[in-house]
PDB file of N, CA and C in Angstrom:
ATOM      1  N   MET A   1      19.188 -29.584 -42.896  1.00  0.00           N
ATOM      2  CA  MET A   1      20.032 -28.405 -42.954  1.00  0.00           C
ATOM      3  C   MET A   1      19.690 -27.486 -41.773  1.00  0.00           C
ATOM      4  N   THR A   2      20.711 -27.024 -41.101  1.00  0.00           N
ATOM      5  CA  THR A   2      20.536 -26.195 -39.907  1.00  0.00           C
ATOM      6  C   THR A   2      19.944 -24.836 -40.243  1.00  0.00           C
ATOM      7  N   VAL A   3      19.019 -24.415 -39.420  1.00  0.00           N
ATOM      8  CA  VAL A   3      18.477 -23.057 -39.494  1.00  0.00           C
ATOM      9  C   VAL A   3      19.061 -22.297 -38.307  1.00  0.00           C
ATOM     10  N   ARG A   4      19.618 -21.135 -38.593  1.00  0.00           N
ATOM     11  CA  ARG A   4      20.217 -20.294 -37.554  1.00  0.00           C
ATOM     12  C   ARG A   4      19.465 -18.971 -37.526  1.00  0.00           C
ATOM     13  N   ILE A   5      19.107 -18.521 -36.313  1.00  0.00           N
ATOM     14  CA  ILE A   5      18.445 -17.227 -36.174  1.00  0.00           C
ATOM     15  C   ILE A   5      19.290 -16.342 -35.262  1.00  0.00           C
ATOM     16  N   TYR A   6      19.611 -15.163 -35.756  1.00  0.00           N
ATOM     17  CA  TYR A   6      20.270 -14.137 -34.949  1.00  0.00           C
ATOM     18  C   TYR A   6      19.130 -13.391 -34.271  1.00  0.00           C
ATOM     19  N   HIS A   7      19.001 -13.611 -32.976  1.00  0.00           N
ATOM     20  CA  HIS A   7      17.777 -13.334 -32.238  1.00  0.00           C
ATOM     21  C   HIS A   7      17.993 -12.359 -31.094  1.00  0.00           C
ATOM     22  N   ASN A   8      16.995 -11.494 -30.911  1.00  0.00           N
ATOM     23  CA  ASN A   8      16.932 -10.623 -29.738  1.00  0.00           C
ATOM     24  C   ASN A   8      15.601 -10.935 -29.062  1.00  0.00           C
ATOM     25  N   PRO A   9      15.620 -11.611 -27.914  1.00  0.00           N
ATOM     26  CA  PRO A   9      14.365 -12.012 -27.278  1.00  0.00           C
ATOM     27  C   PRO A   9      13.496 -10.838 -26.836  1.00  0.00           C
ATOM     28  N   ARG A  10      14.044  -9.639 -26.789  1.00  0.00           N
ATOM     29  CA  ARG A  10      13.258  -8.467 -26.396  1.00  0.00           C
ATOM     30  C   ARG A  10      12.518  -7.846 -27.582  1.00  0.00           C
ATOM     31  N   CYS A  11      12.759  -8.366 -28.784  1.00  0.00           N
ATOM     32  CA  CYS A  11      12.146  -7.826 -30.006  1.00  0.00           C
ATOM     33  C   CYS A  11      10.949  -8.694 -30.408  1.00  0.00           C
ATOM     34  N   SER A  12       9.789  -8.071 -30.564  1.00  0.00           N
ATOM     35  CA  SER A  12       8.587  -8.835 -30.913  1.00  0.00           C
ATOM     36  C   SER A  12       8.715  -9.497 -32.285  1.00  0.00           C
ATOM     37  N   LYS A  13       9.317  -8.825 -33.257  1.00  0.00           N
ATOM     38  CA  LYS A  13       9.473  -9.423 -34.596  1.00  0.00           C
ATOM     39  C   LYS A  13      10.390 -10.640 -34.527  1.00  0.00           C
ATOM     40  N   SER A  14      11.417 -10.542 -33.717  1.00  0.00           N
ATOM     41  CA  SER A  14      12.337 -11.660 -33.556  1.00  0.00           C
ATOM     42  C   SER A  14      11.629 -12.843 -32.894  1.00  0.00           C
ATOM     43  N   ARG A  15      10.843 -12.580 -31.872  1.00  0.00           N
ATOM     44  CA  ARG A  15      10.082 -13.652 -31.203  1.00  0.00           C
ATOM     45  C   ARG A  15       9.071 -14.283 -32.165  1.00  0.00           C
ATOM     46  N   GLN A  16       8.398 -13.459 -32.963  1.00  0.00           N
ATOM     47  CA  GLN A  16       7.415 -13.980 -33.924  1.00  0.00           C
ATOM     48  C   GLN A  16       8.100 -14.850 -34.975  1.00  0.00           C
ATOM     49  N   THR A  17       9.264 -14.408 -35.437  1.00  0.00           N
ATOM     50  CA  THR A  17      10.002 -15.173 -36.440  1.00  0.00           C
ATOM     51  C   THR A  17      10.444 -16.512 -35.868  1.00  0.00           C
ATOM     52  N   LEU A  18      10.971 -16.508 -34.654  1.00  0.00           N
ATOM     53  CA  LEU A  18      11.385 -17.752 -33.997  1.00  0.00           C
ATOM     54  C   LEU A  18      10.195 -18.702 -33.863  1.00  0.00           C
ATOM     55  N   LYS A  19       9.040 -18.190 -33.491  1.00  0.00           N
ATOM     56  CA  LYS A  19       7.839 -19.021 -33.349  1.00  0.00           C
ATOM     57  C   LYS A  19       7.435 -19.640 -34.689  1.00  0.00           C
ATOM     58  N   LEU A  20       7.507 -18.879 -35.774  1.00  0.00           N
ATOM     59  CA  LEU A  20       7.177 -19.421 -37.099  1.00  0.00           C
ATOM     60  C   LEU A  20       8.098 -20.584 -37.455  1.00  0.00           C
ATOM     61  N   ILE A  21       9.374 -20.443 -37.143  1.00  0.00           N
ATOM     62  CA  ILE A  21      10.335 -21.514 -37.420  1.00  0.00           C
ATOM     63  C   ILE A  21       9.980 -22.748 -36.588  1.00  0.00           C
ATOM     64  N   GLN A  22       9.749 -22.539 -35.306  1.00  0.00           N
ATOM     65  CA  GLN A  22       9.416 -23.664 -34.419  1.00  0.00           C
ATOM     66  C   GLN A  22       8.085 -24.303 -34.794  1.00  0.00           C
ATOM     67  N   ASP A  23       7.117 -23.494 -35.207  1.00  0.00           N
ATOM     68  CA  ASP A  23       5.818 -24.029 -35.633  1.00  0.00           C
ATOM     69  C   ASP A  23       5.940 -24.883 -36.887  1.00  0.00           C
ATOM     70  N   ALA A  24       7.011 -24.674 -37.664  1.00  0.00           N
ATOM     71  CA  ALA A  24       7.256 -25.485 -38.859  1.00  0.00           C
ATOM     72  C   ALA A  24       7.968 -26.792 -38.495  1.00  0.00           C
ATOM     73  N   GLY A  25       8.146 -27.030 -37.187  1.00  0.00           N
ATOM     74  CA  GLY A  25       8.771 -28.266 -36.739  1.00  0.00           C
ATOM     75  C   GLY A  25      10.288 -28.226 -36.742  1.00  0.00           C
ATOM     76  N   ILE A  26      10.851 -27.044 -36.807  1.00  0.00           N
ATOM     77  CA  ILE A  26      12.305 -26.879 -36.849  1.00  0.00           C
ATOM     78  C   ILE A  26      12.764 -26.246 -35.539  1.00  0.00           C
ATOM     79  N   GLU A  27      13.796 -26.830 -34.950  1.00  0.00           N
ATOM     80  CA  GLU A  27      14.399 -26.230 -33.754  1.00  0.00           C
ATOM     81  C   GLU A  27      15.705 -25.574 -34.205  1.00  0.00           C
ATOM     82  N   PRO A  28      15.691 -24.263 -34.377  1.00  0.00           N
ATOM     83  CA  PRO A  28      16.858 -23.578 -34.930  1.00  0.00           C
ATOM     84  C   PRO A  28      17.979 -23.397 -33.908  1.00  0.00           C
ATOM     85  N   GLU A  29      19.155 -23.130 -34.427  1.00  0.00           N
ATOM     86  CA  GLU A  29      20.264 -22.676 -33.593  1.00  0.00           C
ATOM     87  C   GLU A  29      19.985 -21.200 -33.314  1.00  0.00           C
ATOM     88  N   VAL A  30      19.833 -20.847 -32.059  1.00  0.00           N
ATOM     89  CA  VAL A  30      19.494 -19.477 -31.677  1.00  0.00           C
ATOM     90  C   VAL A  30      20.756 -18.768 -31.203  1.00  0.00           C
ATOM     91  N   ILE A  31      21.081 -17.677 -31.878  1.00  0.00           N
ATOM     92  CA  ILE A  31      22.252 -16.885 -31.513  1.00  0.00           C
ATOM     93  C   ILE A  31      21.769 -15.552 -30.968  1.00  0.00           C
ATOM     94  N   HIS A  32      22.063 -15.319 -29.709  1.00  0.00           N
ATOM     95  CA  HIS A  32      21.728 -14.039 -29.073  1.00  0.00           C
ATOM     96  C   HIS A  32      22.836 -13.061 -29.452  1.00  0.00           C
ATOM     97  N   TYR A  33      22.664 -12.415 -30.607  1.00  0.00           N
ATOM     98  CA  TYR A  33      23.738 -11.638 -31.214  1.00  0.00           C
ATOM     99  C   TYR A  33      24.165 -10.425 -30.392  1.00  0.00           C
ATOM    100  N   LEU A  34      23.318  -9.932 -29.479  1.00  0.00           N
ATOM    101  CA  LEU A  34      23.742  -8.813 -28.633  1.00  0.00           C
ATOM    102  C   LEU A  34      24.769  -9.285 -27.602  1.00  0.00           C
ATOM    103  N   ASP A  35      24.647 -10.539 -27.160  1.00  0.00           N
ATOM    104  CA  ASP A  35      25.588 -11.114 -26.199  1.00  0.00           C
ATOM    105  C   ASP A  35      26.816 -11.702 -26.885  1.00  0.00           C
ATOM    106  N   CYS A  36      26.621 -12.197 -28.090  1.00  0.00           N
ATOM    107  CA  CYS A  36      27.691 -12.864 -28.837  1.00  0.00           C
ATOM    108  C   CYS A  36      27.652 -12.359 -30.282  1.00  0.00           C
ATOM    109  N   PRO A  37      28.200 -11.156 -30.527  1.00  0.00           N
ATOM    110  CA  PRO A  37      28.105 -10.559 -31.866  1.00  0.00           C
ATOM    111  C   PRO A  37      28.798 -11.412 -32.928  1.00  0.00           C
ATOM    112  N   PRO A  38      28.237 -11.445 -34.124  1.00  0.00           N
ATOM    113  CA  PRO A  38      28.899 -12.170 -35.204  1.00  0.00           C
ATOM    114  C   PRO A  38      30.237 -11.513 -35.532  1.00  0.00           C
ATOM    115  N   SER A  39      31.203 -12.336 -35.911  1.00  0.00           N
ATOM    116  CA  SER A  39      32.515 -11.826 -36.316  1.00  0.00           C
ATOM    117  C   SER A  39      32.374 -11.061 -37.626  1.00  0.00           C
ATOM    118  N   THR A  40      33.416 -10.356 -37.998  1.00  0.00           N
ATOM    119  CA  THR A  40      33.364  -9.622 -39.268  1.00  0.00           C
ATOM    120  C   THR A  40      33.231 -10.594 -40.437  1.00  0.00           C
ATOM    121  N   SER A  41      33.886 -11.757 -40.355  1.00  0.00           N
ATOM    122  CA  SER A  41      33.754 -12.718 -41.458  1.00  0.00           C
ATOM    123  C   SER A  41      32.347 -13.315 -41.498  1.00  0.00           C
ATOM    124  N   GLU A  42      31.743 -13.556 -40.332  1.00  0.00           N
ATOM    125  CA  GLU A  42      30.350 -14.026 -40.307  1.00  0.00           C
ATOM    126  C   GLU A  42      29.423 -12.968 -40.902  1.00  0.00           C
ATOM    127  N   LEU A  43      29.660 -11.713 -40.555  1.00  0.00           N
ATOM    128  CA  LEU A  43      28.836 -10.628 -41.110  1.00  0.00           C
ATOM    129  C   LEU A  43      28.980 -10.561 -42.626  1.00  0.00           C
ATOM    130  N   GLU A  44      30.205 -10.740 -43.140  1.00  0.00           N
ATOM    131  CA  GLU A  44      30.428 -10.771 -44.597  1.00  0.00           C
ATOM    132  C   GLU A  44      29.565 -11.857 -45.231  1.00  0.00           C
ATOM    133  N   GLN A  45      29.591 -13.053 -44.642  1.00  0.00           N
ATOM    134  CA  GLN A  45      28.820 -14.175 -45.179  1.00  0.00           C
ATOM    135  C   GLN A  45      27.322 -13.903 -45.118  1.00  0.00           C
ATOM    136  N   ILE A  46      26.868 -13.355 -44.005  1.00  0.00           N
ATOM    137  CA  ILE A  46      25.445 -13.037 -43.852  1.00  0.00           C
ATOM    138  C   ILE A  46      25.018 -12.026 -44.910  1.00  0.00           C
ATOM    139  N   LEU A  47      25.808 -10.977 -45.084  1.00  0.00           N
ATOM    140  CA  LEU A  47      25.479  -9.947 -46.077  1.00  0.00           C
ATOM    141  C   LEU A  47      25.427 -10.532 -47.478  1.00  0.00           C
ATOM    142  N   ASP A  48      26.384 -11.416 -47.800  1.00  0.00           N
ATOM    143  CA  ASP A  48      26.386 -12.058 -49.120  1.00  0.00           C
ATOM    144  C   ASP A  48      25.130 -12.905 -49.310  1.00  0.00           C
ATOM    145  N   LYS A  49      24.733 -13.634 -48.272  1.00  0.00           N
ATOM    146  CA  LYS A  49      23.537 -14.477 -48.364  1.00  0.00           C
ATOM    147  C   LYS A  49      22.263 -13.642 -48.459  1.00  0.00           C
ATOM    148  N   LEU A  50      22.260 -12.493 -47.777  1.00  0.00           N
ATOM    149  CA  LEU A  50      21.109 -11.584 -47.856  1.00  0.00           C
ATOM    150  C   LEU A  50      21.090 -10.827 -49.179  1.00  0.00           C
ATOM    151  N   GLY A  51      22.273 -10.660 -49.790  1.00  0.00           N
ATOM    152  CA  GLY A  51      22.377  -9.898 -51.033  1.00  0.00           C
ATOM    153  C   GLY A  51      22.224  -8.404 -50.814  1.00  0.00           C
ATOM    154  N   ILE A  52      22.706  -7.921 -49.650  1.00  0.00           N
ATOM    155  CA  ILE A  52      22.598  -6.493 -49.348  1.00  0.00           C
ATOM    156  C   ILE A  52      23.951  -5.945 -48.904  1.00  0.00           C
ATOM    157  N   GLU A  53      24.029  -4.634 -48.845  1.00  0.00           N
ATOM    158  CA  GLU A  53      25.226  -3.944 -48.372  1.00  0.00           C
ATOM    159  C   GLU A  53      25.119  -3.717 -46.862  1.00  0.00           C
ATOM    160  N   PRO A  54      26.261  -3.530 -46.186  1.00  0.00           N
ATOM    161  CA  PRO A  54      26.242  -3.368 -44.728  1.00  0.00           C
ATOM    162  C   PRO A  54      25.314  -2.264 -44.228  1.00  0.00           C
ATOM    163  N   ARG A  55      25.273  -1.152 -44.926  1.00  0.00           N
ATOM    164  CA  ARG A  55      24.435  -0.046 -44.455  1.00  0.00           C
ATOM    165  C   ARG A  55      22.953  -0.438 -44.444  1.00  0.00           C
ATOM    166  N   GLU A  56      22.554  -1.342 -45.345  1.00  0.00           N
ATOM    167  CA  GLU A  56      21.164  -1.796 -45.393  1.00  0.00           C
ATOM    168  C   GLU A  56      20.807  -2.673 -44.189  1.00  0.00           C
ATOM    169  N   LEU A  57      21.820  -3.171 -43.488  1.00  0.00           N
ATOM    170  CA  LEU A  57      21.606  -4.011 -42.313  1.00  0.00           C
ATOM    171  C   LEU A  57      21.595  -3.184 -41.031  1.00  0.00           C
ATOM    172  N   MET A  58      21.864  -1.892 -41.161  1.00  0.00           N
ATOM    173  CA  MET A  58      21.938  -1.021 -39.981  1.00  0.00           C
ATOM    174  C   MET A  58      20.568  -0.507 -39.572  1.00  0.00           C
ATOM    175  N   ARG A  59      20.353  -0.508 -38.260  1.00  0.00           N
ATOM    176  CA  ARG A  59      19.133   0.045 -37.668  1.00  0.00           C
ATOM    177  C   ARG A  59      19.339   1.549 -37.508  1.00  0.00           C
ATOM    178  N   LYS A  60      18.768   2.288 -38.424  1.00  0.00           N
ATOM    179  CA  LYS A  60      18.995   3.732 -38.471  1.00  0.00           C
ATOM    180  C   LYS A  60      18.317   4.500 -37.337  1.00  0.00           C
ATOM    181  N   GLY A  61      17.375   3.884 -36.651  1.00  0.00           N
ATOM    182  CA  GLY A  61      16.686   4.542 -35.546  1.00  0.00           C
ATOM    183  C   GLY A  61      17.388   4.395 -34.204  1.00  0.00           C
ATOM    184  N   GLU A  62      18.442   3.596 -34.160  1.00  0.00           N
ATOM    185  CA  GLU A  62      19.162   3.381 -32.897  1.00  0.00           C
ATOM    186  C   GLU A  62      19.947   4.623 -32.498  1.00  0.00           C
ATOM    187  N   ALA A  63      19.996   4.879 -31.206  1.00  0.00           N
ATOM    188  CA  ALA A  63      20.737   6.038 -30.684  1.00  0.00           C
ATOM    189  C   ALA A  63      22.198   5.999 -31.113  1.00  0.00           C
ATOM    190  N   ILE A  64      22.807   4.812 -31.101  1.00  0.00           N
ATOM    191  CA  ILE A  64      24.224   4.694 -31.461  1.00  0.00           C
ATOM    192  C   ILE A  64      24.459   5.108 -32.916  1.00  0.00           C
ATOM    193  N   TYR A  65      23.482   4.876 -33.788  1.00  0.00           N
ATOM    194  CA  TYR A  65      23.587   5.279 -35.196  1.00  0.00           C
ATOM    195  C   TYR A  65      23.742   6.794 -35.274  1.00  0.00           C
ATOM    196  N   LYS A  66      22.922   7.483 -34.510  1.00  0.00           N
ATOM    197  CA  LYS A  66      22.968   8.949 -34.501  1.00  0.00           C
ATOM    198  C   LYS A  66      24.220   9.450 -33.787  1.00  0.00           C
ATOM    199  N   GLU A  67      24.574   8.818 -32.662  1.00  0.00           N
ATOM    200  CA  GLU A  67      25.758   9.228 -31.897  1.00  0.00           C
ATOM    201  C   GLU A  67      27.027   9.140 -32.736  1.00  0.00           C
ATOM    202  N   LEU A  68      27.108   8.112 -33.569  1.00  0.00           N
ATOM    203  CA  LEU A  68      28.284   7.926 -34.415  1.00  0.00           C
ATOM    204  C   LEU A  68      28.212   8.740 -35.703  1.00  0.00           C
ATOM    205  N   GLY A  69      27.109   9.465 -35.900  1.00  0.00           N
ATOM    206  CA  GLY A  69      26.958  10.289 -37.095  1.00  0.00           C
ATOM    207  C   GLY A  69      26.919   9.483 -38.379  1.00  0.00           C
ATOM    208  N   LEU A  70      26.334   8.287 -38.316  1.00  0.00           N
ATOM    209  CA  LEU A  70      26.369   7.390 -39.471  1.00  0.00           C
ATOM    210  C   LEU A  70      25.471   7.834 -40.617  1.00  0.00           C
ATOM    211  N   GLY A  71      24.502   8.682 -40.335  1.00  0.00           N
ATOM    212  CA  GLY A  71      23.608   9.137 -41.393  1.00  0.00           C
ATOM    213  C   GLY A  71      24.327   9.918 -42.476  1.00  0.00           C
ATOM    214  N   SER A  72      25.345  10.653 -42.093  1.00  0.00           N
ATOM    215  CA  SER A  72      26.051  11.499 -43.061  1.00  0.00           C
ATOM    216  C   SER A  72      27.505  11.070 -43.254  1.00  0.00           C
ATOM    217  N   ARG A  73      27.879   9.979 -42.660  1.00  0.00           N
ATOM    218  CA  ARG A  73      29.278   9.541 -42.694  1.00  0.00           C
ATOM    219  C   ARG A  73      29.513   8.538 -43.813  1.00  0.00           C
ATOM    220  N   GLU A  74      30.564   8.774 -44.587  1.00  0.00           N
ATOM    221  CA  GLU A  74      30.955   7.821 -45.634  1.00  0.00           C
ATOM    222  C   GLU A  74      31.721   6.670 -44.987  1.00  0.00           C
ATOM    223  N   LEU A  75      31.369   5.461 -45.342  1.00  0.00           N
ATOM    224  CA  LEU A  75      32.035   4.283 -44.794  1.00  0.00           C
ATOM    225  C   LEU A  75      32.377   3.307 -45.908  1.00  0.00           C
ATOM    226  N   SER A  76      33.557   2.713 -45.817  1.00  0.00           N
ATOM    227  CA  SER A  76      33.868   1.614 -46.725  1.00  0.00           C
ATOM    228  C   SER A  76      33.076   0.394 -46.252  1.00  0.00           C
ATOM    229  N   ARG A  77      32.998  -0.615 -47.082  1.00  0.00           N
ATOM    230  CA  ARG A  77      32.305  -1.853 -46.697  1.00  0.00           C
ATOM    231  C   ARG A  77      32.947  -2.431 -45.429  1.00  0.00           C
ATOM    232  N   ALA A  78      34.277  -2.476 -45.405  1.00  0.00           N
ATOM    233  CA  ALA A  78      34.991  -3.037 -44.251  1.00  0.00           C
ATOM    234  C   ALA A  78      34.723  -2.223 -42.987  1.00  0.00           C
ATOM    235  N   GLU A  79      34.708  -0.904 -43.099  1.00  0.00           N
ATOM    236  CA  GLU A  79      34.432  -0.052 -41.934  1.00  0.00           C
ATOM    237  C   GLU A  79      33.014  -0.287 -41.411  1.00  0.00           C
ATOM    238  N   ALA A  80      32.057  -0.388 -42.318  1.00  0.00           N
ATOM    239  CA  ALA A  80      30.664  -0.604 -41.917  1.00  0.00           C
ATOM    240  C   ALA A  80      30.506  -1.956 -41.221  1.00  0.00           C
ATOM    241  N   ILE A  81      31.152  -2.979 -41.752  1.00  0.00           N
ATOM    242  CA  ILE A  81      31.076  -4.309 -41.144  1.00  0.00           C
ATOM    243  C   ILE A  81      31.726  -4.297 -39.763  1.00  0.00           C
ATOM    244  N   GLN A  82      32.849  -3.613 -39.633  1.00  0.00           N
ATOM    245  CA  GLN A  82      33.514  -3.507 -38.330  1.00  0.00           C
ATOM    246  C   GLN A  82      32.603  -2.806 -37.318  1.00  0.00           C
ATOM    247  N   LEU A  83      31.915  -1.751 -37.753  1.00  0.00           N
ATOM    248  CA  LEU A  83      30.982  -1.039 -36.869  1.00  0.00           C
ATOM    249  C   LEU A  83      29.836  -1.942 -36.425  1.00  0.00           C
ATOM    250  N   LEU A  84      29.319  -2.752 -37.341  1.00  0.00           N
ATOM    251  CA  LEU A  84      28.248  -3.691 -36.990  1.00  0.00           C
ATOM    252  C   LEU A  84      28.741  -4.706 -35.959  1.00  0.00           C
ATOM    253  N   HIS A  85      29.965  -5.176 -36.148  1.00  0.00           N
ATOM    254  CA  HIS A  85      30.540  -6.139 -35.205  1.00  0.00           C
ATOM    255  C   HIS A  85      30.728  -5.509 -33.823  1.00  0.00           C
ATOM    256  N   GLU A  86      31.259  -4.293 -33.795  1.00  0.00           N
ATOM    257  CA  GLU A  86      31.553  -3.616 -32.524  1.00  0.00           C
ATOM    258  C   GLU A  86      30.301  -3.079 -31.834  1.00  0.00           C
ATOM    259  N   ASN A  87      29.246  -2.840 -32.605  1.00  0.00           N
ATOM    260  CA  ASN A  87      28.001  -2.257 -32.088  1.00  0.00           C
ATOM    261  C   ASN A  87      26.820  -3.101 -32.552  1.00  0.00           C
ATOM    262  N   PRO A  88      26.641  -4.302 -31.988  1.00  0.00           N
ATOM    263  CA  PRO A  88      25.601  -5.200 -32.499  1.00  0.00           C
ATOM    264  C   PRO A  88      24.184  -4.643 -32.403  1.00  0.00           C
ATOM    265  N   LYS A  89      23.967  -3.607 -31.576  1.00  0.00           N
ATOM    266  CA  LYS A  89      22.635  -2.981 -31.544  1.00  0.00           C
ATOM    267  C   LYS A  89      22.276  -2.392 -32.905  1.00  0.00           C
ATOM    268  N   LEU A  90      23.290  -2.120 -33.727  1.00  0.00           N
ATOM    269  CA  LEU A  90      23.045  -1.567 -35.058  1.00  0.00           C
ATOM    270  C   LEU A  90      22.492  -2.604 -36.032  1.00  0.00           C
ATOM    271  N   ILE A  91      22.626  -3.884 -35.709  1.00  0.00           N
ATOM    272  CA  ILE A  91      22.236  -4.942 -36.647  1.00  0.00           C
ATOM    273  C   ILE A  91      20.716  -5.103 -36.667  1.00  0.00           C
ATOM    274  N   GLU A  92      20.156  -4.999 -37.873  1.00  0.00           N
ATOM    275  CA  GLU A  92      18.714  -5.235 -38.054  1.00  0.00           C
ATOM    276  C   GLU A  92      18.424  -6.684 -37.706  1.00  0.00           C
ATOM    277  N   ARG A  93      17.276  -6.931 -37.124  1.00  0.00           N
ATOM    278  CA  ARG A  93      16.937  -8.263 -36.652  1.00  0.00           C
ATOM    279  C   ARG A  93      15.499  -8.610 -36.988  1.00  0.00           C
ATOM    280  N   PRO A  94      15.195  -9.871 -36.931  1.00  0.00           N
ATOM    281  CA  PRO A  94      16.088 -11.014 -36.830  1.00  0.00           C
ATOM    282  C   PRO A  94      16.633 -11.393 -38.204  1.00  0.00           C
ATOM    283  N   ILE A  95      17.750 -12.063 -38.199  1.00  0.00           N
ATOM    284  CA  ILE A  95      18.323 -12.611 -39.428  1.00  0.00           C
ATOM    285  C   ILE A  95      18.211 -14.125 -39.316  1.00  0.00           C
ATOM    286  N   VAL A  96      17.700 -14.750 -40.365  1.00  0.00           N
ATOM    287  CA  VAL A  96      17.579 -16.207 -40.386  1.00  0.00           C
ATOM    288  C   VAL A  96      18.413 -16.728 -41.555  1.00  0.00           C
ATOM    289  N   VAL A  97      19.269 -17.706 -41.250  1.00  0.00           N
ATOM    290  CA  VAL A  97      20.171 -18.271 -42.254  1.00  0.00           C
ATOM    291  C   VAL A  97      19.900 -19.768 -42.368  1.00  0.00           C
ATOM    292  N   ARG A  98      19.818 -20.230 -43.610  1.00  0.00           N
ATOM    293  CA  ARG A  98      19.696 -21.667 -43.883  1.00  0.00           C
ATOM    294  C   ARG A  98      20.483 -21.954 -45.151  1.00  0.00           C
ATOM    295  N   GLY A  99      21.536 -22.728 -45.003  1.00  0.00           N
ATOM    296  CA  GLY A  99      22.374 -23.039 -46.153  1.00  0.00           C
ATOM    297  C   GLY A  99      23.016 -21.788 -46.717  1.00  0.00           C
ATOM    298  N   ASP A 100      22.847 -21.603 -48.023  1.00  0.00           N
ATOM    299  CA  ASP A 100      23.470 -20.443 -48.678  1.00  0.00           C
ATOM    300  C   ASP A 100      22.500 -19.275 -48.834  1.00  0.00           C
ATOM    301  N   ARG A 101      21.401 -19.311 -48.066  1.00  0.00           N
ATOM    302  CA  ARG A 101      20.407 -18.238 -48.156  1.00  0.00           C
ATOM    303  C   ARG A 101      20.134 -17.648 -46.785  1.00  0.00           C
ATOM    304  N   ALA A 102      19.674 -16.407 -46.793  1.00  0.00           N
ATOM    305  CA  ALA A 102      19.311 -15.733 -45.546  1.00  0.00           C
ATOM    306  C   ALA A 102      18.201 -14.737 -45.838  1.00  0.00           C
ATOM    307  N   VAL A 103      17.413 -14.440 -44.807  1.00  0.00           N
ATOM    308  CA  VAL A 103      16.363 -13.419 -44.913  1.00  0.00           C
ATOM    309  C   VAL A 103      16.323 -12.623 -43.616  1.00  0.00           C
ATOM    310  N   LEU A 104      15.825 -11.406 -43.736  1.00  0.00           N
ATOM    311  CA  LEU A 104      15.502 -10.599 -42.567  1.00  0.00           C
ATOM    312  C   LEU A 104      14.054 -10.899 -42.206  1.00  0.00           C
ATOM    313  N   GLY A 105      13.797 -11.125 -40.949  1.00  0.00           N
ATOM    314  CA  GLY A 105      12.435 -11.432 -40.501  1.00  0.00           C
ATOM    315  C   GLY A 105      11.607 -10.188 -40.273  1.00  0.00           C
ATOM    316  N   ARG A 106      11.603  -9.311 -41.230  1.00  0.00           N
ATOM    317  CA  ARG A 106      10.808  -8.077 -41.184  1.00  0.00           C
ATOM    318  C   ARG A 106      10.110  -7.945 -42.525  1.00  0.00           C
ATOM    319  N   PRO A 107       8.900  -8.387 -42.623  1.00  0.00           N
ATOM    320  CA  PRO A 107       8.052  -8.974 -41.586  1.00  0.00           C
ATOM    321  C   PRO A 107       8.456 -10.427 -41.300  1.00  0.00           C
ATOM    322  N   PRO A 108       8.012 -10.967 -40.175  1.00  0.00           N
ATOM    323  CA  PRO A 108       8.383 -12.329 -39.800  1.00  0.00           C
ATOM    324  C   PRO A 108       8.065 -13.366 -40.882  1.00  0.00           C
ATOM    325  N   GLU A 109       7.018 -13.132 -41.658  1.00  0.00           N
ATOM    326  CA  GLU A 109       6.614 -14.088 -42.703  1.00  0.00           C
ATOM    327  C   GLU A 109       7.698 -14.289 -43.763  1.00  0.00           C
ATOM    328  N   ASN A 110       8.663 -13.386 -43.858  1.00  0.00           N
ATOM    329  CA  ASN A 110       9.763 -13.560 -44.815  1.00  0.00           C
ATOM    330  C   ASN A 110      10.479 -14.892 -44.617  1.00  0.00           C
ATOM    331  N   VAL A 111      10.468 -15.395 -43.389  1.00  0.00           N
ATOM    332  CA  VAL A 111      11.184 -16.631 -43.080  1.00  0.00           C
ATOM    333  C   VAL A 111      10.575 -17.837 -43.797  1.00  0.00           C
ATOM    334  N   GLN A 112       9.323 -17.752 -44.199  1.00  0.00           N
ATOM    335  CA  GLN A 112       8.647 -18.881 -44.855  1.00  0.00           C
ATOM    336  C   GLN A 112       9.415 -19.375 -46.082  1.00  0.00           C
ATOM    337  N   GLU A 113      10.076 -18.459 -46.795  1.00  0.00           N
ATOM    338  CA  GLU A 113      10.781 -18.871 -48.014  1.00  0.00           C
ATOM    339  C   GLU A 113      11.997 -19.754 -47.720  1.00  0.00           C
ATOM    340  N   LEU A 114      12.441 -19.814 -46.471  1.00  0.00           N
ATOM    341  CA  LEU A 114      13.576 -20.671 -46.109  1.00  0.00           C
ATOM    342  C   LEU A 114      13.150 -22.003 -45.506  1.00  0.00           C
ATOM    343  N   LEU A 115      11.877 -22.127 -45.139  1.00  0.00           N
ATOM    344  CA  LEU A 115      11.437 -23.323 -44.408  1.00  0.00           C
ATOM    345  C   LEU A 115      10.990 -24.443 -45.328  1.00  0.00           C
TER     346      LEU A 115
END
């Protein structure tokens, strides 16, 4: 079964998570989500597999989060997913997907439950 990681090579947690996967003998499909953002339907699937709401996937410390006033702004699920798609810097990373399950690699050891 394919393991997919939504990866930012500039993020230490993302690099550590990728290394844990590779150390387990798995060569994952690596998606550089900042260069190739997931579609809104992919984000829907990821959120369902993670079992979380879109706002829980948002990086609240990012400048764009503050610029868009997301801390105090009401958003529908569809609006939040569209914002994540249009502003991939908002997406918490790394996300690892295997089959019908997904985890956030924060901490990187979370990925162990998928391997």
